[in-house]
Amino acid sequence: MANDSGIGPGGVLLAFIAGAVTGAAVALLFAPASGEETRGFLGEQAREGRERAAEAARQGRELLSKQRDTLNTAFERGREAFNAARDKEQGA
């Protein structure tokens, strides 16, 4: 659903994230820390970000696998019910 300016919720979220990243970058540039400390901080944040992304991807794969299993089970049950109803119809 777009608002009056034509920007949808995805665009608003993307703008918010871009603003947060820009603000963090500016804060780091003007922070009273040495370059070595700042590089160390950025490296640690990058490692943590990669770890969080890997964990989120793992959880997403697990959820997808569970959903696939659930859909397969539902499909099989539907097929069995259809076949049972068809057999009952043909037998009557």
N, C-alpha and C. Protein backbone atom coordinates (compact mmCIF):
# COMPACT_ATOMS: atom_id res chain seq x y z
N MET A 1 0.85 -1.17 0.00
CA MET A 1 0.00 0.00 0.00
C MET A 1 0.89 1.23 0.00
N ALA A 2 0.75 2.08 -0.97
CA ALA A 2 1.57 3.28 -1.10
C ALA A 2 0.89 4.44 -0.40
N ASN A 3 1.72 5.34 0.15
CA ASN A 3 1.14 6.53 0.75
C ASN A 3 0.98 7.60 -0.33
N ASP A 4 0.61 8.83 0.05
CA ASP A 4 0.33 9.88 -0.92
C ASP A 4 1.53 10.22 -1.80
N SER A 5 2.75 10.02 -1.31
CA SER A 5 3.92 10.36 -2.11
C SER A 5 4.31 9.22 -3.05
N GLY A 6 3.62 8.10 -2.99
CA GLY A 6 3.90 6.99 -3.89
C GLY A 6 4.99 6.06 -3.40
N ILE A 7 5.44 6.23 -2.17
CA ILE A 7 6.49 5.38 -1.61
C ILE A 7 5.82 4.28 -0.80
N GLY A 8 6.12 3.05 -1.13
CA GLY A 8 5.53 1.93 -0.42
C GLY A 8 6.28 1.63 0.87
N PRO A 9 5.80 0.67 1.65
CA PRO A 9 6.44 0.33 2.93
C PRO A 9 7.87 -0.17 2.75
N GLY A 10 8.14 -0.87 1.65
CA GLY A 10 9.50 -1.34 1.39
C GLY A 10 10.45 -0.18 1.18
N GLY A 11 9.98 0.83 0.47
CA GLY A 11 10.80 2.02 0.22
C GLY A 11 11.09 2.79 1.50
N VAL A 12 10.10 2.86 2.36
CA VAL A 12 10.27 3.56 3.64
C VAL A 12 11.28 2.81 4.51
N LEU A 13 11.16 1.48 4.53
CA LEU A 13 12.10 0.68 5.32
C LEU A 13 13.51 0.81 4.77
N LEU A 14 13.66 0.76 3.46
CA LEU A 14 14.97 0.91 2.84
C LEU A 14 15.57 2.29 3.16
N ALA A 15 14.75 3.33 3.10
CA ALA A 15 15.23 4.67 3.42
C ALA A 15 15.66 4.76 4.89
N PHE A 16 14.91 4.13 5.78
CA PHE A 16 15.27 4.13 7.19
C PHE A 16 16.61 3.44 7.41
N ILE A 17 16.79 2.28 6.79
CA ILE A 17 18.04 1.53 6.95
C ILE A 17 19.20 2.33 6.36
N ALA A 18 19.00 2.92 5.19
CA ALA A 18 20.06 3.72 4.58
C ALA A 18 20.42 4.90 5.47
N GLY A 19 19.43 5.53 6.07
CA GLY A 19 19.70 6.65 6.98
C GLY A 19 20.46 6.21 8.22
N ALA A 20 20.10 5.04 8.75
CA ALA A 20 20.80 4.53 9.93
C ALA A 20 22.25 4.22 9.62
N VAL A 21 22.50 3.61 8.46
CA VAL A 21 23.87 3.29 8.07
C VAL A 21 24.67 4.56 7.84
N THR A 22 24.07 5.54 7.18
CA THR A 22 24.74 6.81 6.94
C THR A 22 25.06 7.51 8.25
N GLY A 23 24.11 7.53 9.16
CA GLY A 23 24.35 8.15 10.47
C GLY A 23 25.46 7.46 11.24
N ALA A 24 25.50 6.14 11.19
CA ALA A 24 26.56 5.41 11.87
C ALA A 24 27.91 5.72 11.25
N ALA A 25 27.96 5.81 9.92
CA ALA A 25 29.23 6.11 9.25
C ALA A 25 29.73 7.51 9.62
N VAL A 26 28.83 8.48 9.64
CA VAL A 26 29.21 9.85 10.02
C VAL A 26 29.68 9.89 11.47
N ALA A 27 28.98 9.18 12.34
CA ALA A 27 29.38 9.15 13.75
C ALA A 27 30.78 8.55 13.91
N LEU A 28 31.08 7.52 13.14
CA LEU A 28 32.41 6.92 13.22
C LEU A 28 33.49 7.87 12.71
N LEU A 29 33.17 8.60 11.65
CA LEU A 29 34.16 9.52 11.09
C LEU A 29 34.49 10.66 12.04
N PHE A 30 33.51 11.09 12.80
CA PHE A 30 33.73 12.21 13.71
C PHE A 30 33.97 11.78 15.15
N ALA A 31 34.05 10.50 15.39
CA ALA A 31 34.28 10.00 16.75
C ALA A 31 35.73 10.27 17.16
N PRO A 32 35.92 10.56 18.45
CA PRO A 32 37.28 10.84 18.93
C PRO A 32 38.06 9.53 19.20
N ALA A 33 38.24 8.73 18.16
CA ALA A 33 39.01 7.49 18.29
C ALA A 33 40.08 7.48 17.21
N SER A 34 41.15 6.74 17.48
CA SER A 34 42.22 6.66 16.49
C SER A 34 41.75 5.82 15.30
N GLY A 35 42.48 5.93 14.21
CA GLY A 35 42.14 5.15 13.03
C GLY A 35 42.21 3.66 13.29
N GLU A 36 43.21 3.26 14.06
CA GLU A 36 43.37 1.84 14.36
C GLU A 36 42.19 1.33 15.18
N GLU A 37 41.76 2.11 16.17
CA GLU A 37 40.60 1.71 16.97
C GLU A 37 39.33 1.64 16.11
N THR A 38 39.17 2.62 15.24
CA THR A 38 38.00 2.65 14.38
C THR A 38 38.01 1.46 13.43
N ARG A 39 39.16 1.14 12.83
CA ARG A 39 39.25 -0.02 11.93
C ARG A 39 38.96 -1.31 12.69
N GLY A 40 39.46 -1.41 13.90
CA GLY A 40 39.17 -2.59 14.71
C GLY A 40 37.69 -2.73 15.01
N PHE A 41 37.08 -1.60 15.35
CA PHE A 41 35.64 -1.59 15.62
C PHE A 41 34.85 -2.00 14.38
N LEU A 42 35.22 -1.42 13.24
CA LEU A 42 34.51 -1.74 12.00
C LEU A 42 34.69 -3.21 11.62
N GLY A 43 35.89 -3.73 11.83
CA GLY A 43 36.15 -5.14 11.53
C GLY A 43 35.30 -6.05 12.41
N GLU A 44 35.22 -5.71 13.70
CA GLU A 44 34.40 -6.50 14.62
C GLU A 44 32.92 -6.43 14.24
N GLN A 45 32.45 -5.25 13.88
CA GLN A 45 31.06 -5.11 13.47
C GLN A 45 30.78 -5.90 12.20
N ALA A 46 31.73 -5.90 11.27
CA ALA A 46 31.56 -6.66 10.03
C ALA A 46 31.50 -8.16 10.33
N ARG A 47 32.35 -8.65 11.22
CA ARG A 47 32.33 -10.07 11.59
C ARG A 47 30.99 -10.43 12.24
N GLU A 48 30.53 -9.58 13.15
CA GLU A 48 29.26 -9.84 13.80
C GLU A 48 28.11 -9.82 12.79
N GLY A 49 28.16 -8.91 11.84
CA GLY A 49 27.14 -8.83 10.81
C GLY A 49 27.12 -10.09 9.95
N ARG A 50 28.31 -10.58 9.59
CA ARG A 50 28.38 -11.82 8.80
C ARG A 50 27.82 -12.99 9.59
N GLU A 51 28.15 -13.05 10.88
CA GLU A 51 27.64 -14.14 11.73
C GLU A 51 26.12 -14.08 11.84
N ARG A 52 25.59 -12.88 12.03
CA ARG A 52 24.13 -12.74 12.12
C ARG A 52 23.46 -13.10 10.80
N ALA A 53 24.06 -12.69 9.69
CA ALA A 53 23.50 -13.02 8.38
C ALA A 53 23.53 -14.52 8.14
N ALA A 54 24.63 -15.17 8.53
CA ALA A 54 24.73 -16.62 8.36
C ALA A 54 23.68 -17.33 9.23
N GLU A 55 23.48 -16.85 10.45
CA GLU A 55 22.48 -17.46 11.34
C GLU A 55 21.08 -17.25 10.78
N ALA A 56 20.80 -16.06 10.28
CA ALA A 56 19.49 -15.79 9.70
C ALA A 56 19.25 -16.67 8.47
N ALA A 57 20.29 -16.86 7.66
CA ALA A 57 20.16 -17.73 6.48
C ALA A 57 19.90 -19.17 6.91
N ARG A 58 20.59 -19.63 7.95
CA ARG A 58 20.38 -20.99 8.44
C ARG A 58 18.95 -21.17 8.94
N GLN A 59 18.48 -20.19 9.72
CA GLN A 59 17.11 -20.27 10.22
C GLN A 59 16.10 -20.22 9.08
N GLY A 60 16.38 -19.42 8.06
CA GLY A 60 15.50 -19.36 6.91
C GLY A 60 15.44 -20.69 6.18
N ARG A 61 16.60 -21.34 6.02
CA ARG A 61 16.61 -22.65 5.37
C ARG A 61 15.84 -23.67 6.18
N GLU A 62 15.99 -23.63 7.51
CA GLU A 62 15.25 -24.56 8.37
C GLU A 62 13.74 -24.33 8.25
N LEU A 63 13.33 -23.07 8.28
CA LEU A 63 11.91 -22.75 8.16
C LEU A 63 11.37 -23.19 6.81
N LEU A 64 12.13 -22.95 5.76
CA LEU A 64 11.71 -23.36 4.42
C LEU A 64 11.56 -24.88 4.35
N SER A 65 12.49 -25.59 4.95
CA SER A 65 12.43 -27.06 4.95
C SER A 65 11.19 -27.54 5.70
N LYS A 66 10.90 -26.93 6.86
CA LYS A 66 9.72 -27.31 7.63
C LYS A 66 8.45 -27.02 6.85
N GLN A 67 8.40 -25.86 6.20
CA GLN A 67 7.21 -25.50 5.43
C GLN A 67 7.02 -26.45 4.25
N ARG A 68 8.13 -26.82 3.62
CA ARG A 68 8.06 -27.75 2.50
C ARG A 68 7.52 -29.10 2.97
N ASP A 69 8.01 -29.57 4.12
CA ASP A 69 7.53 -30.84 4.68
C ASP A 69 6.04 -30.76 5.01
N THR A 70 5.62 -29.64 5.59
CA THR A 70 4.22 -29.46 5.93
C THR A 70 3.34 -29.46 4.67
N LEU A 71 3.79 -28.77 3.63
CA LEU A 71 3.03 -28.74 2.38
C LEU A 71 2.97 -30.12 1.74
N ASN A 72 4.09 -30.84 1.76
CA ASN A 72 4.09 -32.19 1.19
C ASN A 72 3.12 -33.10 1.94
N THR A 73 3.11 -33.00 3.26
CA THR A 73 2.20 -33.81 4.06
C THR A 73 0.75 -33.46 3.75
N ALA A 74 0.46 -32.17 3.68
CA ALA A 74 -0.91 -31.73 3.37
C ALA A 74 -1.32 -32.20 1.97
N PHE A 75 -0.41 -32.11 1.02
CA PHE A 75 -0.70 -32.55 -0.34
C PHE A 75 -1.00 -34.05 -0.37
N GLU A 76 -0.18 -34.81 0.32
CA GLU A 76 -0.39 -36.27 0.36
C GLU A 76 -1.72 -36.62 1.02
N ARG A 77 -2.06 -35.94 2.09
CA ARG A 77 -3.35 -36.20 2.75
C ARG A 77 -4.51 -35.84 1.84
N GLY A 78 -4.38 -34.74 1.13
CA GLY A 78 -5.42 -34.34 0.19
C GLY A 78 -5.57 -35.36 -0.93
N ARG A 79 -4.45 -35.85 -1.43
CA ARG A 79 -4.49 -36.87 -2.47
C ARG A 79 -5.17 -38.15 -1.96
N GLU A 80 -4.81 -38.54 -0.74
CA GLU A 80 -5.41 -39.75 -0.16
C GLU A 80 -6.92 -39.57 0.03
N ALA A 81 -7.34 -38.40 0.50
CA ALA A 81 -8.77 -38.14 0.70
C ALA A 81 -9.50 -38.14 -0.63
N PHE A 82 -8.88 -37.55 -1.64
CA PHE A 82 -9.49 -37.53 -2.97
C PHE A 82 -9.64 -38.95 -3.51
N ASN A 83 -8.57 -39.73 -3.40
CA ASN A 83 -8.63 -41.11 -3.89
C ASN A 83 -9.67 -41.93 -3.13
N ALA A 84 -9.76 -41.74 -1.82
CA ALA A 84 -10.74 -42.48 -1.02
C ALA A 84 -12.16 -42.07 -1.43
N ALA A 85 -12.39 -40.80 -1.66
CA ALA A 85 -13.71 -40.33 -2.06
C ALA A 85 -14.04 -40.85 -3.46
N ARG A 86 -13.07 -40.85 -4.34
CA ARG A 86 -13.29 -41.34 -5.72
C ARG A 86 -13.60 -42.85 -5.69
N ASP A 87 -12.81 -43.58 -4.89
CA ASP A 87 -13.04 -45.04 -4.79
C ASP A 87 -14.43 -45.33 -4.21
N LYS A 88 -14.83 -44.54 -3.23
CA LYS A 88 -16.15 -44.71 -2.61
C LYS A 88 -17.25 -44.42 -3.62
N GLU A 89 -17.04 -43.37 -4.42
CA GLU A 89 -17.99 -42.96 -5.45
C GLU A 89 -18.12 -44.05 -6.51
N GLN A 90 -16.99 -44.63 -6.91
CA GLN A 90 -17.01 -45.65 -7.95
C GLN A 90 -17.58 -46.97 -7.43
N GLY A 91 -17.39 -47.25 -6.15
CA GLY A 91 -17.88 -48.47 -5.56
C GLY A 91 -19.38 -48.45 -5.30
N ALA A 92 -19.94 -47.27 -5.20
CA ALA A 92 -21.38 -47.16 -4.87
C ALA A 92 -22.27 -47.35 -6.06
